[in-house]
Every structure is written in C-alpha cells, then in structure tokens.
Amino acid sequence: MCDLHGDYGIKNENSSHETCEQEYIVKLPHHLHKCLPTDWNIIDSYNDDFDLSVKHMNRQDSIGISLEGPEISRSGILTWLCVSTSSCTFLFDILTLGKEAFRRGLKSILENSRIQKIFHDCRLVSDCLYHQYEVRLNNVFDTQAADSLVMMQQNKDSKFIKKVNSLNECLNYYLEITDNYLCRSLLFDVDEQSIHYHGRRPLHHEFQESMIRNVIYLRLLKREVECALLTPLRRVTDQYLNCVLSASDQELVLCPSILEELPQEVLIDGIEVVNYVEPEVSLFGSWDS
C-alpha cells in the first residue's frame, strides 16, 4: 500500500479493505518490475487518504488513467476511476464516493493543463466524464491514437488503416508483455446477486488485479509509442544535421543548399513524417466546409 505521508503514498491502518488489501500483491513482468510502481491503494472515503492522494497526483508530470464499470458512457455507470503515478496506483471507488470526489479534487487534476493524462482510447471516457461529471479533459495523450499513426507510418501500402489495436495488443508489441501479465476483460454486472456485481465490496482480487493492469502500464507504454511515433522525424532531423556538414567545399560550390526546399538527401531517402494517404471520401466532409 502507498504511504503518501512520505514521498510515495498513503497508508490507512483503519481501511475497511485492510485485510483484503494486505493479501494482494501486484504481479508484474520481471523485465519491467523496476520500471513500474508496486504500491497501490483503494480510496473509498473522504479522509486524509483522499486528500493526500490528490496532492500526490498534483505533483506528477503525467498519470495513467482508466475508467471501469458496467458501461462507460454519458448514460452508463462509472464504478472505479483508476490512476497510476510514478510511485503508486490509486483505485477511486466512485460508486461509493459519488460526484463529490470530482468536486474535492479529481476534476482539478483531470482538467489541469500541466499534468498529462494518458489513456488507451479516451473516446467513451471523455463522453462519460463530460456529461456526467462536467469534466473536460485537458492535456491528453492517447496511446491508441498514437499507435494508429505508428501503424500507418509503417504500412508499406500507404493506406489509411481503420482498425485500432487493443491495449493488450499494444502492451505485447511495444513492451513485450506476455499473456499472463496482460489485462483481463472486466465483466461488471448490475445484478446484485451476481458474483461480478460492480457494487460488491470488498473488491475481489480478480477485479483488483485487472484494474491495476489496465492502468499501471500506460505511462511506460506512452514512452515507447511516442518514441516510435517520432522515429521518422528523428531520421529527417539527422538528414538536416548532416546534409551540409558532410559535404565537401567543392560540392557546396557546385550544388549549394537551397534552404527554401527539403534537402536532397531527404527526398532521395523517400522519408515522409506521416506515410499514409487520406481516405478518398471523408465521412464528415472537409474542415473547410
């Protein structure tokens, strides 16, 4: 569990989940164990734990976020808001805390332009938070959106790719995470008699593990996807750095650089920063219309 009274997190000795939480240990891939936070905490009441978690998140440059519930939408049910920082993963029990959680600090974190929020597919998340909690997300990095651009850059056919990759597909591709450490689908149920009832407390370890895995990798995934996304730009930049520098004096006299045009080396190499073509017919019309 986190101990935010120090530099890293929260420790709540009187938590209603104490027994359940102490039994659970986050299981992470061995090759990433030193890169990921193993501390975690369930926040389900308004006390020092809640206030300190907000203060801790406010000190972060970036946080990974996922929303969990029977249905995440403007009319659905948000049960858990999960946040992963550099040193801890927080599971906010929104079903218990209610909208007051956003008024007491979550809204300010989510709308803070300084803190980057990392999601994998923020479409329904954005819809849910805006229409139900009046939260407009700011400074978002979407790993699914970024991955789609990487895939289009690497597509030799130069075609617009409509299919997107799931979080597990991206985790396997970029971080080489094997199946036994990937996320599992959360099948929350609204039936109170179901073992998967979203309001059942204490939280089952199966759900806890899935929610942590859905969010804990996002910050690391963002770094790898962003690196891949910028690969063409780095190649072009290298061409810029060396195209004049490596030329002889005679070559510069015969073929002086034309600064109003791309370097010939870039054109010969055939590099495009975004290597895909637009669809023939836009579904929504042009931006100019």
C-alpha atoms as a PDB file:
ATOM      1  CA  MET A   1       0.000   0.000   0.000  1.00  0.00           C
ATOM      2  CA  CYS A   2       1.086   3.575  -0.578  1.00  0.00           C
ATOM      3  CA  ASP A   3       2.452   5.849   2.109  1.00  0.00           C
ATOM      4  CA  LEU A   4       1.763   9.385   0.938  1.00  0.00           C
ATOM      5  CA  HIS A   5       2.736  10.878   4.259  1.00  0.00           C
ATOM      6  CA  GLY A   6       6.254  10.413   2.910  1.00  0.00           C
ATOM      7  CA  ASP A   7       7.157  10.854  -0.736  1.00  0.00           C
ATOM      8  CA  TYR A   8       5.207   7.972  -2.178  1.00  0.00           C
ATOM      9  CA  GLY A   9       1.706   7.427  -0.952  1.00  0.00           C
ATOM     10  CA  ILE A  10      -0.906   6.570   1.589  1.00  0.00           C
ATOM     11  CA  LYS A  11      -1.183   4.075   4.380  1.00  0.00           C
ATOM     12  CA  ASN A  12      -4.558   3.808   6.036  1.00  0.00           C
ATOM     13  CA  GLU A  13      -4.404   1.450   9.001  1.00  0.00           C
ATOM     14  CA  ASN A  14      -8.176   1.662   9.548  1.00  0.00           C
ATOM     15  CA  SER A  15      -9.230   0.949   5.980  1.00  0.00           C
ATOM     16  CA  SER A  16     -12.303  -1.250   5.616  1.00  0.00           C
ATOM     17  CA  HIS A  17     -10.330  -3.142   2.950  1.00  0.00           C
ATOM     18  CA  GLU A  18      -7.256  -3.702   5.126  1.00  0.00           C
ATOM     19  CA  THR A  19      -7.421  -7.498   5.346  1.00  0.00           C
ATOM     20  CA  CYS A  20      -8.270  -7.930   1.677  1.00  0.00           C
ATOM     21  CA  GLU A  21      -5.600  -5.475   0.549  1.00  0.00           C
ATOM     22  CA  GLN A  22      -2.787  -6.960   2.621  1.00  0.00           C
ATOM     23  CA  GLU A  23      -3.324 -10.305   0.946  1.00  0.00           C
ATOM     24  CA  TYR A  24      -2.935  -8.882  -2.553  1.00  0.00           C
ATOM     25  CA  ILE A  25       0.462  -8.388  -4.186  1.00  0.00           C
ATOM     26  CA  VAL A  26       0.805  -6.789  -7.604  1.00  0.00           C
ATOM     27  CA  LYS A  27       2.323  -9.304 -10.021  1.00  0.00           C
ATOM     28  CA  LEU A  28       4.382  -7.641 -12.754  1.00  0.00           C
ATOM     29  CA  PRO A  29       6.621  -8.833 -15.615  1.00  0.00           C
ATOM     30  CA  HIS A  30      10.144  -9.435 -14.366  1.00  0.00           C
ATOM     31  CA  HIS A  31      11.767  -7.299 -17.070  1.00  0.00           C
ATOM     32  CA  LEU A  32       9.580  -4.301 -16.134  1.00  0.00           C
ATOM     33  CA  HIS A  33       9.434  -4.748 -12.377  1.00  0.00           C
ATOM     34  CA  LYS A  34      11.879  -1.932 -11.640  1.00  0.00           C
ATOM     35  CA  CYS A  35      10.090   0.444 -14.021  1.00  0.00           C
ATOM     36  CA  LEU A  36       6.598   0.147 -12.523  1.00  0.00           C
ATOM     37  CA  PRO A  37       5.096   1.110  -9.151  1.00  0.00           C
ATOM     38  CA  THR A  38       4.129  -1.815  -6.934  1.00  0.00           C
ATOM     39  CA  ASP A  39       2.335   0.282  -4.305  1.00  0.00           C
ATOM     40  CA  TRP A  40      -1.426   0.769  -4.584  1.00  0.00           C
ATOM     41  CA  ASN A  41      -4.363   1.996  -2.533  1.00  0.00           C
ATOM     42  CA  ILE A  42      -8.147   1.843  -2.630  1.00  0.00           C
ATOM     43  CA  ILE A  43      -9.740   5.226  -1.909  1.00  0.00           C
ATOM     44  CA  ASP A  44     -13.338   4.842  -0.753  1.00  0.00           C
ATOM     45  CA  SER A  45     -13.913   7.618   1.811  1.00  0.00           C
ATOM     46  CA  TYR A  46     -13.173  11.302   2.364  1.00  0.00           C
ATOM     47  CA  ASN A  47     -10.278  11.310   4.791  1.00  0.00           C
ATOM     48  CA  ASP A  48      -6.560  12.052   4.809  1.00  0.00           C
ATOM     49  CA  ASP A  49      -6.014   9.283   2.273  1.00  0.00           C
ATOM     50  CA  PHE A  50      -8.210  11.016  -0.276  1.00  0.00           C
ATOM     51  CA  ASP A  51      -6.697  14.467   0.288  1.00  0.00           C
ATOM     52  CA  LEU A  52      -3.125  13.168   0.187  1.00  0.00           C
ATOM     53  CA  SER A  53      -3.762  11.183  -2.994  1.00  0.00           C
ATOM     54  CA  VAL A  54      -4.970  14.348  -4.736  1.00  0.00           C
ATOM     55  CA  LYS A  55      -1.909  16.257  -3.524  1.00  0.00           C
ATOM     56  CA  HIS A  56       0.338  13.438  -4.721  1.00  0.00           C
ATOM     57  CA  MET A  57      -1.251  13.385  -8.194  1.00  0.00           C
ATOM     58  CA  ASN A  58      -0.962  17.152  -8.403  1.00  0.00           C
ATOM     59  CA  ARG A  59       2.834  16.805  -8.122  1.00  0.00           C
ATOM     60  CA  GLN A  60       3.032  14.470 -11.124  1.00  0.00           C
ATOM     61  CA  ASP A  61       4.023  15.418 -14.664  1.00  0.00           C
ATOM     62  CA  SER A  62       1.947  12.576 -16.111  1.00  0.00           C
ATOM     63  CA  ILE A  63      -0.553   9.986 -14.887  1.00  0.00           C
ATOM     64  CA  GLY A  64      -2.164   6.945 -16.465  1.00  0.00           C
ATOM     65  CA  ILE A  65      -5.954   6.760 -16.174  1.00  0.00           C
ATOM     66  CA  SER A  66      -8.646   4.182 -16.858  1.00  0.00           C
ATOM     67  CA  LEU A  67     -12.352   4.105 -16.025  1.00  0.00           C
ATOM     68  CA  GLU A  68     -14.127   0.899 -15.058  1.00  0.00           C
ATOM     69  CA  GLY A  69     -17.787  -0.003 -14.662  1.00  0.00           C
ATOM     70  CA  PRO A  70     -20.709  -1.884 -16.252  1.00  0.00           C
ATOM     71  CA  GLU A  71     -20.796   0.728 -19.026  1.00  0.00           C
ATOM     72  CA  ILE A  72     -18.630   3.792 -19.524  1.00  0.00           C
ATOM     73  CA  SER A  73     -20.706   6.374 -21.381  1.00  0.00           C
ATOM     74  CA  ARG A  74     -22.757   9.513 -20.839  1.00  0.00           C
ATOM     75  CA  SER A  75     -25.634   7.380 -19.553  1.00  0.00           C
ATOM     76  CA  GLY A  76     -23.648   4.447 -18.134  1.00  0.00           C
ATOM     77  CA  ILE A  77     -22.305   3.642 -14.680  1.00  0.00           C
ATOM     78  CA  LEU A  78     -18.790   4.621 -13.613  1.00  0.00           C
ATOM     79  CA  THR A  79     -17.719   2.433 -10.690  1.00  0.00           C
ATOM     80  CA  TRP A  80     -13.956   2.929 -10.455  1.00  0.00           C
ATOM     81  CA  LEU A  81     -11.542   5.636 -11.585  1.00  0.00           C
ATOM     82  CA  CYS A  82      -8.022   4.190 -11.652  1.00  0.00           C
ATOM     83  CA  VAL A  83      -4.891   6.351 -11.641  1.00  0.00           C
ATOM     84  CA  SER A  84      -1.275   5.237 -11.923  1.00  0.00           C
ATOM     85  CA  THR A  85       1.523   7.629 -10.967  1.00  0.00           C
ATOM     86  CA  SER A  86       5.290   7.256 -10.870  1.00  0.00           C
ATOM     87  CA  SER A  87       5.108   5.522  -7.491  1.00  0.00           C
ATOM     88  CA  CYS A  88       1.559   4.352  -6.765  1.00  0.00           C
ATOM     89  CA  THR A  89      -1.714   3.159  -8.284  1.00  0.00           C
ATOM     90  CA  PHE A  90      -4.963   4.556  -6.867  1.00  0.00           C
ATOM     91  CA  LEU A  91      -8.352   2.908  -7.241  1.00  0.00           C
ATOM     92  CA  PHE A  92     -11.035   5.518  -6.533  1.00  0.00           C
ATOM     93  CA  ASP A  93     -14.364   3.906  -5.624  1.00  0.00           C
ATOM     94  CA  ILE A  94     -16.621   6.368  -7.449  1.00  0.00           C
ATOM     95  CA  LEU A  95     -19.715   4.277  -6.728  1.00  0.00           C
ATOM     96  CA  THR A  96     -19.123   4.938  -3.026  1.00  0.00           C
ATOM     97  CA  LEU A  97     -17.584   8.414  -3.241  1.00  0.00           C
ATOM     98  CA  GLY A  98     -20.076   9.841  -5.743  1.00  0.00           C
ATOM     99  CA  LYS A  99     -19.742  13.102  -7.667  1.00  0.00           C
ATOM    100  CA  GLU A 100     -18.279  14.821  -4.629  1.00  0.00           C
ATOM    101  CA  ALA A 101     -14.961  13.124  -5.453  1.00  0.00           C
ATOM    102  CA  PHE A 102     -14.634  15.309  -8.529  1.00  0.00           C
ATOM    103  CA  ARG A 103     -15.543  18.481  -6.665  1.00  0.00           C
ATOM    104  CA  ARG A 104     -12.968  17.651  -3.997  1.00  0.00           C
ATOM    105  CA  GLY A 105     -10.024  17.393  -6.360  1.00  0.00           C
ATOM    106  CA  LEU A 106     -10.359  14.849  -9.160  1.00  0.00           C
ATOM    107  CA  LYS A 107     -11.855  17.408 -11.551  1.00  0.00           C
ATOM    108  CA  SER A 108      -8.965  19.826 -10.979  1.00  0.00           C
ATOM    109  CA  ILE A 109      -6.460  17.044 -11.707  1.00  0.00           C
ATOM    110  CA  LEU A 110      -8.224  15.891 -14.876  1.00  0.00           C
ATOM    111  CA  GLU A 111      -8.534  19.442 -16.221  1.00  0.00           C
ATOM    112  CA  ASN A 112      -5.032  20.547 -15.220  1.00  0.00           C
ATOM    113  CA  SER A 113      -3.121  21.515 -18.369  1.00  0.00           C
ATOM    114  CA  ARG A 114       0.240  20.877 -16.694  1.00  0.00           C
ATOM    115  CA  ILE A 115      -0.439  17.214 -15.872  1.00  0.00           C
ATOM    116  CA  GLN A 116      -0.529  14.918 -18.886  1.00  0.00           C
ATOM    117  CA  LYS A 117      -3.297  12.310 -18.732  1.00  0.00           C
ATOM    118  CA  ILE A 118      -2.530   9.054 -20.543  1.00  0.00           C
ATOM    119  CA  PHE A 119      -5.402   6.889 -21.798  1.00  0.00           C
ATOM    120  CA  HIS A 120      -5.799   3.999 -24.197  1.00  0.00           C
ATOM    121  CA  ASP A 121      -8.885   5.080 -26.165  1.00  0.00           C
ATOM    122  CA  CYS A 122     -10.308   8.135 -24.419  1.00  0.00           C
ATOM    123  CA  ARG A 123     -13.483   8.409 -26.515  1.00  0.00           C
ATOM    124  CA  LEU A 124     -16.064   6.959 -24.117  1.00  0.00           C
ATOM    125  CA  VAL A 125     -14.080   8.207 -21.123  1.00  0.00           C
ATOM    126  CA  SER A 126     -14.295  11.774 -22.391  1.00  0.00           C
ATOM    127  CA  ASP A 127     -18.019  11.368 -23.067  1.00  0.00           C
ATOM    128  CA  CYS A 128     -18.692   9.941 -19.599  1.00  0.00           C
ATOM    129  CA  LEU A 129     -16.670  12.496 -17.647  1.00  0.00           C
ATOM    130  CA  TYR A 130     -18.063  15.482 -19.521  1.00  0.00           C
ATOM    131  CA  HIS A 131     -21.750  14.608 -19.480  1.00  0.00           C
ATOM    132  CA  GLN A 132     -21.930  13.038 -16.025  1.00  0.00           C
ATOM    133  CA  TYR A 133     -19.321  14.962 -14.041  1.00  0.00           C
ATOM    134  CA  GLU A 134     -18.802  18.200 -16.024  1.00  0.00           C
ATOM    135  CA  VAL A 135     -15.133  17.357 -16.529  1.00  0.00           C
ATOM    136  CA  ARG A 136     -13.423  18.418 -19.745  1.00  0.00           C
ATOM    137  CA  LEU A 137     -10.157  16.517 -20.090  1.00  0.00           C
ATOM    138  CA  ASN A 138      -7.063  18.583 -20.819  1.00  0.00           C
ATOM    139  CA  ASN A 139      -3.545  17.617 -21.963  1.00  0.00           C
ATOM    140  CA  VAL A 140      -4.365  14.075 -23.060  1.00  0.00           C
ATOM    141  CA  PHE A 141      -2.057  11.532 -24.689  1.00  0.00           C
ATOM    142  CA  ASP A 142      -3.997   8.630 -26.181  1.00  0.00           C
ATOM    143  CA  THR A 143      -1.788   5.583 -26.735  1.00  0.00           C
ATOM    144  CA  GLN A 144      -4.299   4.012 -29.121  1.00  0.00           C
ATOM    145  CA  ALA A 145      -4.395   7.142 -31.284  1.00  0.00           C
ATOM    146  CA  ALA A 146      -0.600   7.381 -31.266  1.00  0.00           C
ATOM    147  CA  ASP A 147      -0.232   3.693 -32.111  1.00  0.00           C
ATOM    148  CA  SER A 148      -2.590   4.088 -35.073  1.00  0.00           C
ATOM    149  CA  LEU A 149      -0.264   6.735 -36.520  1.00  0.00           C
ATOM    150  CA  VAL A 150       2.750   4.490 -35.957  1.00  0.00           C
ATOM    151  CA  MET A 151       0.993   1.643 -37.769  1.00  0.00           C
ATOM    152  CA  MET A 152       0.132   3.917 -40.700  1.00  0.00           C
ATOM    153  CA  GLN A 153       3.733   5.113 -40.911  1.00  0.00           C
ATOM    154  CA  GLN A 154       4.939   1.523 -41.046  1.00  0.00           C
ATOM    155  CA  ASN A 155       2.305   0.410 -43.552  1.00  0.00           C
ATOM    156  CA  LYS A 156       4.094  -0.227 -46.846  1.00  0.00           C
ATOM    157  CA  ASP A 157       0.872   0.070 -48.844  1.00  0.00           C
ATOM    158  CA  SER A 158       0.431   3.683 -47.691  1.00  0.00           C
ATOM    159  CA  LYS A 159      -3.239   3.082 -46.977  1.00  0.00           C
ATOM    160  CA  PHE A 160      -5.407   4.589 -44.284  1.00  0.00           C
ATOM    161  CA  ILE A 161      -5.846   1.938 -41.564  1.00  0.00           C
ATOM    162  CA  LYS A 162      -9.222   1.935 -39.825  1.00  0.00           C
ATOM    163  CA  LYS A 163      -8.678  -0.885 -37.332  1.00  0.00           C
ATOM    164  CA  VAL A 164      -7.177   0.068 -33.981  1.00  0.00           C
ATOM    165  CA  ASN A 165      -5.128  -2.071 -31.622  1.00  0.00           C
ATOM    166  CA  SER A 166      -6.353  -3.028 -28.166  1.00  0.00           C
ATOM    167  CA  LEU A 167      -4.395  -2.210 -25.028  1.00  0.00           C
ATOM    168  CA  ASN A 168      -3.181  -5.796 -24.762  1.00  0.00           C
ATOM    169  CA  GLU A 169      -2.018  -5.806 -28.388  1.00  0.00           C
ATOM    170  CA  CYS A 170      -0.022  -2.636 -27.779  1.00  0.00           C
ATOM    171  CA  LEU A 171       1.425  -3.918 -24.498  1.00  0.00           C
ATOM    172  CA  ASN A 172       2.581  -7.078 -26.224  1.00  0.00           C
ATOM    173  CA  TYR A 173       4.028  -5.217 -29.230  1.00  0.00           C
ATOM    174  CA  TYR A 174       5.795  -2.308 -27.516  1.00  0.00           C
ATOM    175  CA  LEU A 175       6.584  -3.691 -24.047  1.00  0.00           C
ATOM    176  CA  GLU A 176       6.776  -7.424 -24.869  1.00  0.00           C
ATOM    177  CA  ILE A 177       4.398  -8.299 -22.044  1.00  0.00           C
ATOM    178  CA  THR A 178       3.300 -11.925 -22.135  1.00  0.00           C
ATOM    179  CA  ASP A 179      -0.292 -13.125 -21.817  1.00  0.00           C
ATOM    180  CA  ASN A 180      -0.107 -13.998 -18.127  1.00  0.00           C
ATOM    181  CA  TYR A 181       0.653 -10.359 -17.262  1.00  0.00           C
ATOM    182  CA  LEU A 182      -1.785  -8.706 -19.667  1.00  0.00           C
ATOM    183  CA  CYS A 183      -5.142  -7.161 -18.787  1.00  0.00           C
ATOM    184  CA  ARG A 184      -8.268  -9.262 -18.485  1.00  0.00           C
ATOM    185  CA  SER A 185     -11.699  -8.102 -19.585  1.00  0.00           C
ATOM    186  CA  LEU A 186     -13.745  -6.732 -16.704  1.00  0.00           C
ATOM    187  CA  LEU A 187     -17.312  -8.024 -16.866  1.00  0.00           C
ATOM    188  CA  PHE A 188     -19.004  -5.917 -14.202  1.00  0.00           C
ATOM    189  CA  ASP A 189     -22.662  -6.818 -13.636  1.00  0.00           C
ATOM    190  CA  VAL A 190     -25.550  -4.680 -12.351  1.00  0.00           C
ATOM    191  CA  ASP A 191     -27.279  -7.750 -10.882  1.00  0.00           C
ATOM    192  CA  GLU A 192     -26.769  -7.627  -7.110  1.00  0.00           C
ATOM    193  CA  GLN A 193     -26.911 -11.436  -6.924  1.00  0.00           C
ATOM    194  CA  SER A 194     -24.063 -11.856  -9.410  1.00  0.00           C
ATOM    195  CA  ILE A 195     -20.536 -12.578  -8.202  1.00  0.00           C
ATOM    196  CA  HIS A 196     -19.492  -9.894 -10.704  1.00  0.00           C
ATOM    197  CA  TYR A 197     -21.807  -7.240  -9.242  1.00  0.00           C
ATOM    198  CA  HIS A 198     -19.983  -3.928  -9.611  1.00  0.00           C
ATOM    199  CA  GLY A 199     -21.002  -2.785  -6.137  1.00  0.00           C
ATOM    200  CA  ARG A 200     -19.687  -5.835  -4.296  1.00  0.00           C
ATOM    201  CA  ARG A 201     -17.207  -4.968  -1.546  1.00  0.00           C
ATOM    202  CA  PRO A 202     -14.532  -5.771  -0.567  1.00  0.00           C
ATOM    203  CA  LEU A 203     -13.194  -5.813  -4.090  1.00  0.00           C
ATOM    204  CA  HIS A 204     -12.367  -9.261  -5.432  1.00  0.00           C
ATOM    205  CA  HIS A 205      -8.670  -9.760  -6.157  1.00  0.00           C
ATOM    206  CA  GLU A 206      -9.523 -10.776  -9.722  1.00  0.00           C
ATOM    207  CA  PHE A 207     -11.090  -7.372 -10.405  1.00  0.00           C
ATOM    208  CA  GLN A 208      -8.416  -5.532  -8.460  1.00  0.00           C
ATOM    209  CA  GLU A 209      -5.647  -7.170 -10.479  1.00  0.00           C
ATOM    210  CA  SER A 210      -7.391  -6.412 -13.774  1.00  0.00           C
ATOM    211  CA  MET A 211      -7.983  -2.761 -12.898  1.00  0.00           C
ATOM    212  CA  ILE A 212      -4.382  -2.263 -11.829  1.00  0.00           C
ATOM    213  CA  ARG A 213      -3.076  -3.896 -15.004  1.00  0.00           C
ATOM    214  CA  ASN A 214      -5.406  -1.762 -17.125  1.00  0.00           C
ATOM    215  CA  VAL A 215      -3.682   1.388 -15.890  1.00  0.00           C
ATOM    216  CA  ILE A 216      -0.236   0.598 -14.483  1.00  0.00           C
ATOM    217  CA  TYR A 217       1.474   0.123 -17.876  1.00  0.00           C
ATOM    218  CA  LEU A 218       0.127   3.288 -19.524  1.00  0.00           C
ATOM    219  CA  ARG A 219       2.939   5.677 -18.598  1.00  0.00           C
ATOM    220  CA  LEU A 220       5.580   3.241 -19.835  1.00  0.00           C
ATOM    221  CA  LEU A 221       3.571   2.424 -22.964  1.00  0.00           C
ATOM    222  CA  LYS A 222       3.250   6.116 -23.765  1.00  0.00           C
ATOM    223  CA  ARG A 223       7.031   6.496 -23.707  1.00  0.00           C
ATOM    224  CA  GLU A 224       7.548   3.622 -26.146  1.00  0.00           C
ATOM    225  CA  VAL A 225       4.753   4.630 -28.532  1.00  0.00           C
ATOM    226  CA  GLU A 226       5.927   8.229 -28.561  1.00  0.00           C
ATOM    227  CA  CYS A 227       9.455   7.064 -29.361  1.00  0.00           C
ATOM    228  CA  ALA A 228       8.160   5.031 -32.313  1.00  0.00           C
ATOM    229  CA  LEU A 229       5.952   7.902 -33.429  1.00  0.00           C
ATOM    230  CA  LEU A 230       8.924  10.251 -33.623  1.00  0.00           C
ATOM    231  CA  THR A 231      11.235   7.846 -35.473  1.00  0.00           C
ATOM    232  CA  PRO A 232      10.596   9.384 -38.940  1.00  0.00           C
ATOM    233  CA  LEU A 233      11.136  12.863 -37.525  1.00  0.00           C
ATOM    234  CA  ARG A 234      14.443  11.830 -35.977  1.00  0.00           C
ATOM    235  CA  ARG A 235      15.565  10.378 -39.320  1.00  0.00           C
ATOM    236  CA  VAL A 236      14.701  13.599 -41.136  1.00  0.00           C
ATOM    237  CA  THR A 237      16.419  15.641 -38.430  1.00  0.00           C
ATOM    238  CA  ASP A 238      19.583  13.556 -38.830  1.00  0.00           C
ATOM    239  CA  GLN A 239      19.489  14.319 -42.561  1.00  0.00           C
ATOM    240  CA  TYR A 240      19.187  18.022 -41.757  1.00  0.00           C
ATOM    241  CA  LEU A 241      22.127  17.856 -39.359  1.00  0.00           C
ATOM    242  CA  ASN A 242      24.468  16.165 -41.828  1.00  0.00           C
ATOM    243  CA  CYS A 243      23.451  17.250 -45.339  1.00  0.00           C
ATOM    244  CA  VAL A 244      25.585  20.422 -45.323  1.00  0.00           C
ATOM    245  CA  LEU A 245      28.097  19.385 -42.681  1.00  0.00           C
ATOM    246  CA  SER A 246      29.234  16.284 -44.583  1.00  0.00           C
ATOM    247  CA  ALA A 247      29.552  17.985 -47.969  1.00  0.00           C
ATOM    248  CA  SER A 248      32.970  18.990 -49.283  1.00  0.00           C
ATOM    249  CA  ASP A 249      33.772  22.587 -50.195  1.00  0.00           C
ATOM    250  CA  GLN A 250      33.683  21.667 -53.890  1.00  0.00           C
ATOM    251  CA  GLU A 251      30.263  20.008 -53.537  1.00  0.00           C
ATOM    252  CA  LEU A 252      28.851  23.090 -51.831  1.00  0.00           C
ATOM    253  CA  VAL A 253      30.113  25.279 -54.688  1.00  0.00           C
ATOM    254  CA  LEU A 254      28.659  23.018 -57.379  1.00  0.00           C
ATOM    255  CA  CYS A 255      25.399  22.259 -55.519  1.00  0.00           C
ATOM    256  CA  PRO A 256      24.723  24.914 -52.900  1.00  0.00           C
ATOM    257  CA  SER A 257      21.994  24.164 -50.393  1.00  0.00           C
ATOM    258  CA  ILE A 258      18.580  25.624 -51.165  1.00  0.00           C
ATOM    259  CA  LEU A 259      17.154  26.427 -47.744  1.00  0.00           C
ATOM    260  CA  GLU A 260      13.668  27.002 -49.136  1.00  0.00           C
ATOM    261  CA  GLU A 261      13.451  23.316 -50.109  1.00  0.00           C
ATOM    262  CA  LEU A 262      13.837  19.942 -48.430  1.00  0.00           C
ATOM    263  CA  PRO A 263      17.385  18.586 -48.557  1.00  0.00           C
ATOM    264  CA  GLN A 264      18.005  16.262 -51.492  1.00  0.00           C
ATOM    265  CA  GLU A 265      19.052  13.547 -49.039  1.00  0.00           C
ATOM    266  CA  VAL A 266      15.570  13.541 -47.550  1.00  0.00           C
ATOM    267  CA  LEU A 267      13.925  13.310 -50.961  1.00  0.00           C
ATOM    268  CA  ILE A 268      16.244  10.513 -52.076  1.00  0.00           C
ATOM    269  CA  ASP A 269      15.622   8.588 -48.876  1.00  0.00           C
ATOM    270  CA  GLY A 270      11.904   8.876 -49.515  1.00  0.00           C
ATOM    271  CA  ILE A 271      11.074   9.703 -45.926  1.00  0.00           C
ATOM    272  CA  GLU A 272       7.700  11.118 -45.023  1.00  0.00           C
ATOM    273  CA  VAL A 273       6.853  12.160 -41.496  1.00  0.00           C
ATOM    274  CA  VAL A 274       3.378  10.664 -41.917  1.00  0.00           C
ATOM    275  CA  ASN A 275       3.377   7.896 -44.501  1.00  0.00           C
ATOM    276  CA  TYR A 276      -0.298   7.430 -45.326  1.00  0.00           C
ATOM    277  CA  VAL A 277      -2.880   8.868 -47.676  1.00  0.00           C
ATOM    278  CA  GLU A 278      -6.237  10.333 -46.787  1.00  0.00           C
ATOM    279  CA  PRO A 279      -9.404   8.303 -47.444  1.00  0.00           C
ATOM    280  CA  GLU A 280     -10.937   9.009 -50.839  1.00  0.00           C
ATOM    281  CA  VAL A 281     -14.230  10.093 -49.260  1.00  0.00           C
ATOM    282  CA  SER A 282     -14.397  11.838 -45.913  1.00  0.00           C
ATOM    283  CA  LEU A 283     -17.195  10.699 -43.634  1.00  0.00           C
ATOM    284  CA  PHE A 284     -17.619  14.168 -42.184  1.00  0.00           C
ATOM    285  CA  GLY A 285     -16.675  16.459 -45.032  1.00  0.00           C
ATOM    286  CA  SER A 286     -13.619  18.688 -45.129  1.00  0.00           C
ATOM    287  CA  TRP A 287     -12.527  21.027 -42.370  1.00  0.00           C
ATOM    288  CA  ASP A 288     -13.027  23.950 -44.740  1.00  0.00           C
ATOM    289  CA  SER A 289     -16.672  23.199 -45.473  1.00  0.00           C
END
